[in-house]
Amino acid sequence: MEQAPPDLERILQPAPVEPLGQHDAGLETAVGEEAEGARDDERPGDGTMTENNFWLKKIEINVSEAEKRTGRNAMNMQETYTAYLIETRSVEHIDGQSVLTDSLWRRYSEFELLRNYLLVYYPHIVVPPLPEKRAEFVWHKLSADNMDPDFVERRRIGLENFLLRVASHPILCRDKIFYLFLTQEGNWKETVNETGFQLKADSRLKALNATFRVKNPDKRFTELKHYSDELQSVISHLLRVRARVADRLYGVYKVHGNYGRVFSEWSAIEKEMGDGLQSAGHHMDVYASSIDDILEDEEHYADQLKEYLFYAEALRAVCRKHELMQYDLEMAAQDLASKKQQCEELATGTVRTFSLKGMTTKLFGQETPEQREARVKVLEEQISEGEQQLKSKNLEGREFVKNAWADIERFKEQKNHDLKEALISYAVMQISMCKKGIQVWTNAKECFSKM
């Protein structure tokens, strides 16, 4: 693609602690203008685009189709995978003519790479989740095969929704790597890896250690973590109930097909009643076959719920990052206090606590004044560095909390709106389904009345 990437303002700093409710958290729309030119010295994958060169422009994003492919993986083994066609088109027109559509193919693993990058570079943001890689909460008629055409289609819709979520986020939409994901087919993976984001990723073991060892956790993040666990549990239960209902509903509808068969057989032996029975049987057959489309529509509502099932983990990721930062802050404060105590003990010649150094002194004698002075000087330098480091971590922590809580408030607003709409639409669909059932039996009644 010849158009240059959009302009980006970098907001990558993790941030700290301010009371809930001090942030304005409405959903913002990502708007910008397309770049007129790109500098040759623009560093790829630096996370943002410079304001001097690029402006984000409104674009339409579609994942228009999925295609089954065969190729070789990193281990040189043949594998079958699904590729997805991403199409982007400018909403604005130039000189009265619409801009041509750009398109490229991406694998699911490339979507995963993009999201992993966003998680590392934007730890204070509730990064939108990807759709499931393999089907979960399926009822008996659905296939759990990730190559099943119906599942691939639903995942295509989910991947499009992921891109639209990122594109509508006021910060993520400005990321250069995201822009290149939409526009640069060749060498995109290399560009992402050049950012070195894997080296900046926090290890699971380190995060687990911080969870159990942090002494002063922020109550708001602790409550948010508990909420995300409960949200995941509630939605999981809801999806299981829905799968059980779908199983039973499918059986009930299909049994109505037996009415159709019986009425048709009966009509064959009746002269006066034959037409009415035949018509009633036809209505029963239509009713029985309608369940396939109904449950297919239901799967789309289930996928909307699954998105927020996976959002729960995105919330926990923000909480884990905060715990890590808090733990690092406490360790820095503890180390600084220890060095100050050592310096004071050297200056006064008194040892308050047991230490190996104290035992060594008693066994081999006191240090010379010159040695003590040299040690005090080193400690004073370390204390000065430690104070600066502690101050920096404090500022970083406050900034993280401010930015994180602003995004959490934005997410809450989005979640409340989306789940409300999904549940209302699901209820409307159920009402419509019941009305169709009533209509079928009303038609059958009229058929019987005409016999």
Protein backbone atom coordinates (compact mmCIF):
# COMPACT_ATOMS: atom_id res chain seq x y z
CA MET A 1 0.00 0.00 0.00
CA GLU A 2 1.39 3.39 -0.93
CA GLN A 3 -0.41 5.43 1.67
CA ALA A 4 1.66 6.19 4.71
CA PRO A 5 0.77 5.13 8.23
CA PRO A 6 -1.23 7.42 10.50
CA ASP A 7 0.05 9.81 13.03
CA LEU A 8 0.55 8.54 16.54
CA GLU A 9 0.88 10.07 19.94
CA ARG A 10 2.51 7.68 22.30
CA ILE A 11 0.76 6.98 25.60
CA LEU A 12 2.63 3.93 26.75
CA GLN A 13 3.61 4.87 30.28
CA PRO A 14 2.13 2.63 32.94
CA ALA A 15 0.33 4.69 35.51
CA PRO A 16 -0.55 5.10 39.21
CA VAL A 17 -2.93 5.71 41.92
CA GLU A 18 -5.78 8.10 42.06
CA PRO A 19 -9.19 7.64 43.52
CA LEU A 20 -11.88 6.07 41.44
CA GLY A 21 -14.18 8.53 39.85
CA GLN A 22 -11.63 11.25 39.11
CA HIS A 23 -11.39 10.28 35.47
CA ASP A 24 -13.64 11.12 32.57
CA ALA A 25 -14.19 7.73 31.00
CA GLY A 26 -16.45 8.08 28.00
CA LEU A 27 -15.80 6.11 24.85
CA GLU A 28 -13.92 8.18 22.30
CA THR A 29 -13.92 7.62 18.59
CA ALA A 30 -10.72 7.10 16.73
CA VAL A 31 -10.55 9.68 13.99
CA GLY A 32 -7.62 10.82 11.91
CA GLU A 33 -6.43 11.54 8.46
CA GLU A 34 -4.36 9.45 6.16
CA ALA A 35 -0.71 10.24 5.82
CA GLU A 36 0.44 12.24 2.85
CA GLY A 37 3.94 10.89 3.05
CA ALA A 38 6.22 8.87 5.24
CA ARG A 39 9.74 9.73 6.27
CA ASP A 40 12.44 7.32 5.27
CA ASP A 41 13.97 7.61 8.72
CA GLU A 42 10.74 6.62 10.50
CA ARG A 43 11.67 3.81 12.84
CA PRO A 44 9.44 0.77 12.29
CA GLY A 45 7.64 -0.67 15.25
CA ASP A 46 8.41 2.12 17.71
CA GLY A 47 4.83 1.88 18.92
CA THR A 48 3.68 5.24 17.59
CA MET A 49 3.73 7.44 14.54
CA THR A 50 5.16 10.90 14.63
CA GLU A 51 2.75 13.80 14.62
CA ASN A 52 4.73 15.63 11.96
CA ASN A 53 4.20 12.90 9.36
CA PHE A 54 0.92 11.12 9.89
CA TRP A 55 -2.73 11.68 10.72
CA LEU A 56 -5.12 8.89 11.39
CA LYS A 57 -7.94 8.81 8.90
CA LYS A 58 -11.29 7.15 9.30
CA ILE A 59 -11.21 3.83 7.53
CA GLU A 60 -13.64 0.97 7.18
CA ILE A 61 -12.24 -2.37 8.32
CA ASN A 62 -13.70 -5.70 7.24
CA VAL A 63 -12.58 -9.29 7.60
CA SER A 64 -14.47 -10.29 4.50
CA GLU A 65 -13.69 -13.95 4.03
CA ALA A 66 -11.82 -16.99 5.35
CA GLU A 67 -9.80 -19.46 3.30
CA LYS A 68 -8.45 -22.89 4.21
CA ARG A 69 -4.77 -23.25 3.29
CA THR A 70 -1.93 -25.74 3.59
CA GLY A 71 1.68 -24.84 4.27
CA ARG A 72 4.75 -25.59 6.35
CA ASN A 73 5.27 -24.32 9.88
CA ALA A 74 8.45 -23.26 11.68
CA MET A 75 9.34 -26.94 12.24
CA ASN A 76 9.04 -27.54 8.47
CA MET A 77 6.02 -29.77 9.04
CA GLN A 78 2.98 -29.54 6.82
CA GLU A 79 -0.07 -28.01 8.47
CA THR A 80 -3.57 -26.87 7.54
CA TYR A 81 -4.68 -23.46 8.69
CA THR A 82 -7.23 -20.75 7.99
CA ALA A 83 -6.28 -17.37 6.54
CA TYR A 84 -8.55 -14.32 6.80
CA LEU A 85 -8.87 -11.53 4.25
CA ILE A 86 -8.70 -8.05 5.81
CA GLU A 87 -10.02 -5.20 3.67
CA THR A 88 -9.58 -1.53 4.55
CA ARG A 89 -11.12 1.40 2.74
CA SER A 90 -11.04 5.11 3.42
CA VAL A 91 -14.38 6.57 4.44
CA GLU A 92 -13.47 9.97 3.03
CA HIS A 93 -13.28 10.72 -0.65
CA ILE A 94 -10.56 12.52 -2.53
CA ASP A 95 -11.64 14.82 -5.38
CA GLY A 96 -15.07 13.24 -5.31
CA GLN A 97 -13.69 9.74 -5.89
CA SER A 98 -13.62 6.97 -3.30
CA VAL A 99 -10.24 5.59 -2.32
CA LEU A 100 -9.53 2.06 -3.52
CA THR A 101 -9.83 -0.81 -1.10
CA ASP A 102 -6.63 -2.38 0.23
CA SER A 103 -6.58 -6.02 1.26
CA LEU A 104 -4.25 -8.61 2.73
CA TRP A 105 -4.40 -12.05 4.35
CA ARG A 106 -3.63 -12.82 7.99
CA ARG A 107 -3.54 -16.00 10.02
CA TYR A 108 -5.06 -16.29 13.48
CA SER A 109 -1.53 -16.54 14.92
CA GLU A 110 -0.76 -13.09 13.52
CA PHE A 111 -3.81 -11.68 15.30
CA GLU A 112 -2.41 -13.29 18.47
CA LEU A 113 0.98 -11.68 17.87
CA LEU A 114 -0.66 -8.26 17.47
CA ARG A 115 -2.63 -8.63 20.69
CA ASN A 116 0.43 -9.86 22.64
CA TYR A 117 2.31 -6.78 21.44
CA LEU A 118 -0.53 -4.49 22.55
CA LEU A 119 -0.65 -6.17 25.98
CA VAL A 120 3.05 -5.47 26.54
CA TYR A 121 3.17 -1.90 25.23
CA TYR A 122 -0.14 -0.82 26.74
CA PRO A 123 -0.31 -2.60 30.13
CA HIS A 124 -2.73 0.00 31.52
CA ILE A 125 -5.34 -0.72 28.82
CA VAL A 126 -8.05 -3.39 28.83
CA VAL A 127 -6.96 -4.83 25.48
CA PRO A 128 -9.87 -6.32 23.48
CA PRO A 129 -9.82 -10.13 23.40
CA LEU A 130 -9.64 -12.39 20.37
CA PRO A 131 -12.41 -14.87 19.60
CA GLU A 132 -11.88 -18.41 20.81
CA LYS A 133 -9.34 -20.53 18.97
CA ARG A 134 -11.38 -23.67 19.54
CA ALA A 135 -15.11 -23.90 20.15
CA GLU A 136 -16.22 -23.85 23.79
CA PHE A 137 -19.67 -24.28 25.38
CA VAL A 138 -20.95 -26.14 22.34
CA TRP A 139 -24.17 -28.13 22.27
CA HIS A 140 -24.30 -31.56 20.69
CA LYS A 141 -25.10 -30.56 17.11
CA LEU A 142 -22.19 -28.12 16.86
CA SER A 143 -18.73 -29.31 15.88
CA ALA A 144 -15.77 -28.55 18.15
CA ASP A 145 -13.45 -28.77 15.12
CA ASN A 146 -11.71 -25.45 14.54
CA MET A 147 -11.86 -26.12 10.78
CA ASP A 148 -15.66 -26.50 10.80
CA PRO A 149 -17.10 -23.96 8.30
CA ASP A 150 -19.70 -22.60 10.76
CA PHE A 151 -17.08 -22.14 13.47
CA VAL A 152 -14.65 -20.48 11.04
CA GLU A 153 -17.39 -18.08 9.98
CA ARG A 154 -18.16 -17.10 13.56
CA ARG A 155 -14.45 -16.65 14.24
CA ARG A 156 -14.18 -14.43 11.14
CA ILE A 157 -16.87 -12.20 12.62
CA GLY A 158 -15.05 -12.24 15.97
CA LEU A 159 -11.73 -11.23 14.39
CA GLU A 160 -13.42 -8.35 12.58
CA ASN A 161 -14.95 -7.26 15.86
CA PHE A 162 -11.49 -7.36 17.49
CA LEU A 163 -10.04 -5.07 14.82
CA LEU A 164 -12.99 -2.67 15.14
CA ARG A 165 -12.56 -2.61 18.94
CA VAL A 166 -8.88 -1.69 18.57
CA ALA A 167 -9.62 0.85 15.82
CA SER A 168 -12.24 2.58 17.99
CA HIS A 169 -10.02 2.75 21.08
CA PRO A 170 -8.73 6.30 21.62
CA ILE A 171 -5.16 5.11 22.27
CA LEU A 172 -4.73 1.74 20.57
CA CYS A 173 -6.01 3.12 17.25
CA ARG A 174 -2.92 5.33 17.08
CA ASP A 175 -0.41 2.53 17.28
CA LYS A 176 1.88 2.14 14.29
CA ILE A 177 2.14 -1.65 14.54
CA PHE A 178 -1.65 -1.87 14.40
CA TYR A 179 -1.68 0.33 11.31
CA LEU A 180 0.96 -1.84 9.65
CA PHE A 181 -1.03 -4.95 10.56
CA LEU A 182 -3.82 -3.58 8.35
CA THR A 183 -1.60 -2.37 5.53
CA GLN A 184 1.73 -4.22 5.37
CA GLU A 185 1.48 -7.87 4.37
CA GLY A 186 5.16 -8.67 3.90
CA ASN A 187 7.65 -8.61 6.80
CA TRP A 188 5.03 -7.51 9.32
CA LYS A 189 6.14 -10.16 11.82
CA GLU A 190 9.73 -9.01 11.55
CA THR A 191 8.62 -5.43 12.20
CA VAL A 192 6.79 -6.50 15.36
CA ASN A 193 9.71 -8.57 16.61
CA GLU A 194 12.08 -5.64 16.06
CA THR A 195 10.20 -3.75 18.77
CA GLY A 196 11.61 -6.25 21.28
CA PHE A 197 8.26 -6.52 23.02
CA GLN A 198 8.92 -10.16 24.01
CA LEU A 199 11.83 -9.04 26.20
CA LYS A 200 9.58 -6.54 27.97
CA ALA A 201 6.85 -9.06 28.71
CA ASP A 202 6.46 -9.96 32.39
CA SER A 203 6.86 -13.64 33.20
CA ARG A 204 3.94 -15.54 34.70
CA LEU A 205 6.14 -16.68 37.60
CA LYS A 206 7.12 -13.11 38.42
CA ALA A 207 3.48 -12.01 38.31
CA LEU A 208 2.43 -14.90 40.57
CA ASN A 209 5.22 -14.04 43.00
CA ALA A 210 4.08 -10.41 43.15
CA THR A 211 0.47 -11.50 43.78
CA PHE A 212 1.41 -13.38 46.92
CA ARG A 213 4.20 -11.13 48.24
CA VAL A 214 2.86 -7.61 47.71
CA LYS A 215 2.21 -6.10 51.15
CA ASN A 216 0.03 -3.09 50.34
CA PRO A 217 -2.22 -3.94 47.38
CA ASP A 218 -4.52 -1.24 46.04
CA LYS A 219 -8.03 -2.08 47.25
CA ARG A 220 -9.62 -0.94 43.98
CA PHE A 221 -7.53 -3.30 41.88
CA THR A 222 -8.12 -6.13 44.32
CA GLU A 223 -11.87 -5.59 44.03
CA LEU A 224 -11.57 -5.35 40.24
CA LYS A 225 -9.71 -8.66 40.17
CA HIS A 226 -12.46 -10.31 42.23
CA TYR A 227 -15.09 -8.77 39.95
CA SER A 228 -13.38 -10.15 36.83
CA ASP A 229 -13.34 -13.63 38.40
CA GLU A 230 -17.03 -13.37 39.23
CA LEU A 231 -17.91 -11.99 35.80
CA GLN A 232 -16.12 -14.91 34.15
CA SER A 233 -17.92 -17.38 36.42
CA VAL A 234 -21.37 -15.87 35.78
CA ILE A 235 -20.97 -15.75 32.00
CA SER A 236 -19.56 -19.31 31.97
CA HIS A 237 -22.64 -20.55 33.82
CA LEU A 238 -24.92 -18.60 31.50
CA LEU A 239 -23.28 -20.14 28.42
CA ARG A 240 -23.57 -23.65 29.88
CA VAL A 241 -27.27 -23.12 30.61
CA ARG A 242 -27.81 -21.79 27.11
CA ALA A 243 -26.06 -24.86 25.60
CA ARG A 244 -28.30 -27.22 27.61
CA VAL A 245 -31.42 -25.28 26.56
CA ALA A 246 -30.29 -25.40 22.92
CA ASP A 247 -29.92 -29.18 23.13
CA ARG A 248 -33.42 -29.64 24.51
CA LEU A 249 -34.99 -27.06 22.22
CA TYR A 250 -33.46 -28.75 19.19
CA GLY A 251 -35.01 -32.04 20.25
CA VAL A 252 -38.44 -30.49 20.86
CA TYR A 253 -38.52 -28.83 17.45
CA LYS A 254 -37.32 -31.90 15.59
CA VAL A 255 -39.96 -34.05 17.31
CA HIS A 256 -42.55 -31.80 15.69
CA GLY A 257 -41.37 -33.31 12.41
CA ASN A 258 -43.05 -36.52 13.59
CA TYR A 259 -46.38 -34.66 13.61
CA GLY A 260 -45.77 -33.78 9.99
CA ARG A 261 -45.01 -37.40 9.04
CA VAL A 262 -48.03 -38.76 10.93
CA PHE A 263 -50.44 -36.18 9.50
CA SER A 264 -49.14 -36.89 5.98
CA GLU A 265 -49.61 -40.65 6.43
CA TRP A 266 -53.06 -40.10 7.91
CA SER A 267 -54.10 -37.86 5.00
CA ALA A 268 -53.45 -40.75 2.62
CA ILE A 269 -56.33 -42.80 4.10
CA GLU A 270 -58.82 -39.94 4.45
CA LYS A 271 -60.91 -38.42 1.67
CA GLU A 272 -62.70 -35.50 3.32
CA MET A 273 -60.02 -34.80 5.92
CA GLY A 274 -57.03 -35.50 3.68
CA ASP A 275 -56.26 -31.96 2.44
CA GLY A 276 -56.49 -30.45 5.93
CA LEU A 277 -54.23 -33.10 7.43
CA GLN A 278 -51.72 -32.74 4.60
CA SER A 279 -51.59 -28.93 5.08
CA ALA A 280 -51.21 -29.27 8.84
CA GLY A 281 -48.37 -31.75 8.31
CA HIS A 282 -46.63 -29.25 6.03
CA HIS A 283 -46.79 -26.56 8.76
CA MET A 284 -45.28 -29.02 11.27
CA ASP A 285 -42.40 -29.82 8.88
CA VAL A 286 -41.66 -26.11 8.42
CA TYR A 287 -41.71 -25.62 12.19
CA ALA A 288 -39.32 -28.54 12.76
CA SER A 289 -36.80 -27.30 10.18
CA SER A 290 -36.82 -23.71 11.48
CA ILE A 291 -34.77 -24.60 14.58
CA ASP A 292 -31.53 -24.83 12.59
CA ASP A 293 -31.64 -21.14 11.63
CA ILE A 294 -32.84 -20.15 15.10
CA LEU A 295 -29.94 -21.82 16.89
CA GLU A 296 -27.48 -20.48 14.33
CA ASP A 297 -28.67 -16.97 15.21
CA GLU A 298 -28.36 -17.83 18.89
CA GLU A 299 -24.69 -18.69 18.40
CA HIS A 300 -23.99 -15.07 17.46
CA TYR A 301 -25.48 -13.90 20.76
CA ALA A 302 -23.45 -16.55 22.56
CA ASP A 303 -20.31 -15.20 20.87
CA GLN A 304 -21.10 -11.72 22.18
CA LEU A 305 -21.21 -13.15 25.70
CA LYS A 306 -17.99 -15.06 25.09
CA GLU A 307 -16.25 -11.81 24.20
CA TYR A 308 -16.87 -10.53 27.71
CA LEU A 309 -15.94 -13.92 29.14
CA PHE A 310 -12.50 -13.32 27.60
CA TYR A 311 -12.52 -9.62 28.58
CA ALA A 312 -12.40 -10.85 32.19
CA GLU A 313 -8.85 -12.09 31.58
CA ALA A 314 -7.92 -8.73 30.02
CA LEU A 315 -9.07 -7.03 33.25
CA ARG A 316 -6.95 -9.41 35.31
CA ALA A 317 -3.92 -8.62 33.12
CA VAL A 318 -4.20 -4.94 34.12
CA CYS A 319 -4.50 -5.95 37.78
CA ARG A 320 -1.46 -8.23 37.55
CA LYS A 321 0.63 -5.42 36.05
CA HIS A 322 -0.37 -3.13 38.90
CA GLU A 323 0.60 -5.80 41.44
CA LEU A 324 3.99 -6.17 39.76
CA MET A 325 4.61 -2.43 39.86
CA GLN A 326 3.50 -2.24 43.48
CA TYR A 327 5.77 -5.15 44.39
CA ASP A 328 8.76 -3.53 42.63
CA LEU A 329 8.01 -0.29 44.48
CA GLU A 330 7.91 -2.06 47.85
CA MET A 331 11.16 -3.92 47.09
CA ALA A 332 12.86 -0.64 46.12
CA ALA A 333 11.64 1.01 49.33
CA GLN A 334 12.83 -1.95 51.40
CA ASP A 335 16.25 -1.93 49.75
CA LEU A 336 16.59 1.82 50.33
CA ALA A 337 15.66 1.48 54.01
CA SER A 338 18.24 -1.29 54.40
CA LYS A 339 21.00 0.82 52.87
CA LYS A 340 20.12 3.81 55.08
CA GLN A 341 20.32 1.59 58.15
CA GLN A 342 23.72 0.26 57.07
CA CYS A 343 24.98 3.78 56.55
CA GLU A 344 23.73 4.88 59.98
CA GLU A 345 25.34 1.86 61.65
CA LEU A 346 28.67 2.61 59.99
CA ALA A 347 28.45 6.26 61.00
CA THR A 348 27.60 5.53 64.66
CA GLY A 349 29.49 2.27 65.02
CA THR A 350 26.43 0.49 66.42
CA VAL A 351 24.80 -2.57 64.89
CA ARG A 352 21.05 -2.82 65.49
CA THR A 353 20.43 -6.17 63.84
CA PHE A 354 22.30 -9.39 63.38
CA SER A 355 24.35 -9.51 60.21
CA LEU A 356 27.21 -11.48 58.70
CA LYS A 357 29.22 -8.28 58.55
CA GLY A 358 28.73 -7.77 62.28
CA MET A 359 29.97 -11.28 63.05
CA THR A 360 32.99 -10.78 60.79
CA THR A 361 33.84 -7.55 62.64
CA LYS A 362 33.72 -9.31 66.00
CA LEU A 363 35.91 -12.16 64.79
CA PHE A 364 38.51 -10.23 62.80
CA GLY A 365 38.41 -6.78 64.33
CA GLN A 366 37.11 -3.35 63.41
CA GLU A 367 37.54 -1.71 60.01
CA THR A 368 39.97 1.15 59.68
CA PRO A 369 38.47 4.67 59.52
CA GLU A 370 39.49 4.86 55.86
CA GLN A 371 37.68 1.63 55.03
CA ARG A 372 34.60 2.75 56.92
CA GLU A 373 34.62 6.12 55.20
CA ALA A 374 34.91 4.49 51.80
CA ARG A 375 31.98 2.19 52.56
CA VAL A 376 29.88 5.12 53.81
CA LYS A 377 30.62 7.01 50.61
CA VAL A 378 29.54 4.07 48.45
CA LEU A 379 26.38 3.63 50.49
CA GLU A 380 25.54 7.33 50.24
CA GLU A 381 25.81 7.11 46.45
CA GLN A 382 23.60 4.02 46.42
CA ILE A 383 21.09 5.76 48.70
CA SER A 384 20.96 8.76 46.39
CA GLU A 385 20.38 6.48 43.39
CA GLY A 386 17.79 4.49 45.35
CA GLU A 387 15.87 7.63 46.30
CA GLN A 388 15.76 8.72 42.67
CA GLN A 389 14.68 5.25 41.62
CA LEU A 390 11.97 5.16 44.29
CA LYS A 391 10.72 8.57 43.24
CA SER A 392 10.62 7.46 39.60
CA LYS A 393 8.72 4.27 40.48
CA ASN A 394 6.25 6.28 42.54
CA LEU A 395 5.57 8.63 39.64
CA GLU A 396 5.31 5.72 37.22
CA GLY A 397 2.91 3.98 39.58
CA ARG A 398 0.66 7.01 39.93
CA GLU A 399 0.61 7.50 36.19
CA PHE A 400 -0.26 3.84 35.66
CA VAL A 401 -3.22 3.96 38.03
CA LYS A 402 -4.54 7.20 36.54
CA ASN A 403 -4.39 5.86 32.98
CA ALA A 404 -5.54 2.37 33.90
CA TRP A 405 -8.55 3.58 35.81
CA ALA A 406 -9.55 5.92 33.02
CA ASP A 407 -9.53 2.99 30.60
CA ILE A 408 -11.35 0.73 33.07
CA GLU A 409 -14.14 3.33 33.34
CA ARG A 410 -14.30 3.46 29.54
CA PHE A 411 -14.50 -0.33 29.45
CA LYS A 412 -17.30 -0.42 32.05
CA GLU A 413 -19.36 1.97 29.95
CA GLN A 414 -18.77 -0.15 26.84
CA LYS A 415 -19.55 -3.40 28.70
CA ASN A 416 -22.81 -2.13 30.19
CA HIS A 417 -24.00 -0.92 26.79
CA ASP A 418 -22.98 -4.06 24.87
CA LEU A 419 -24.34 -6.61 27.31
CA LYS A 420 -27.60 -4.71 27.68
CA GLU A 421 -28.07 -4.67 23.90
CA ALA A 422 -27.10 -8.34 23.54
CA LEU A 423 -29.50 -9.51 26.26
CA ILE A 424 -32.37 -7.40 24.91
CA SER A 425 -31.77 -8.72 21.38
CA TYR A 426 -31.66 -12.28 22.70
CA ALA A 427 -34.97 -11.77 24.52
CA VAL A 428 -36.55 -10.28 21.37
CA MET A 429 -35.35 -13.29 19.38
CA GLN A 430 -36.91 -15.68 21.92
CA ILE A 431 -40.21 -13.76 21.76
CA SER A 432 -40.12 -13.92 17.96
CA MET A 433 -39.44 -17.66 18.11
CA CYS A 434 -42.44 -18.20 20.41
CA LYS A 435 -44.66 -16.12 18.12
CA LYS A 436 -43.65 -18.29 15.18
CA GLY A 437 -44.61 -21.37 17.18
CA ILE A 438 -47.99 -19.85 17.98
CA GLN A 439 -48.46 -19.00 14.28
CA VAL A 440 -47.68 -22.57 13.24
CA TRP A 441 -50.31 -23.98 15.57
CA THR A 442 -52.76 -21.25 14.55
CA ASN A 443 -52.29 -22.31 10.91
CA ALA A 444 -52.69 -25.94 11.90
CA LYS A 445 -55.94 -25.07 13.71
CA GLU A 446 -57.29 -23.39 10.56
CA CYS A 447 -56.39 -26.49 8.55
CA PHE A 448 -58.27 -28.69 11.00
CA SER A 449 -61.26 -26.31 10.95
CA LYS A 450 -61.56 -26.66 7.15
CA MET A 451 -61.72 -30.43 7.24
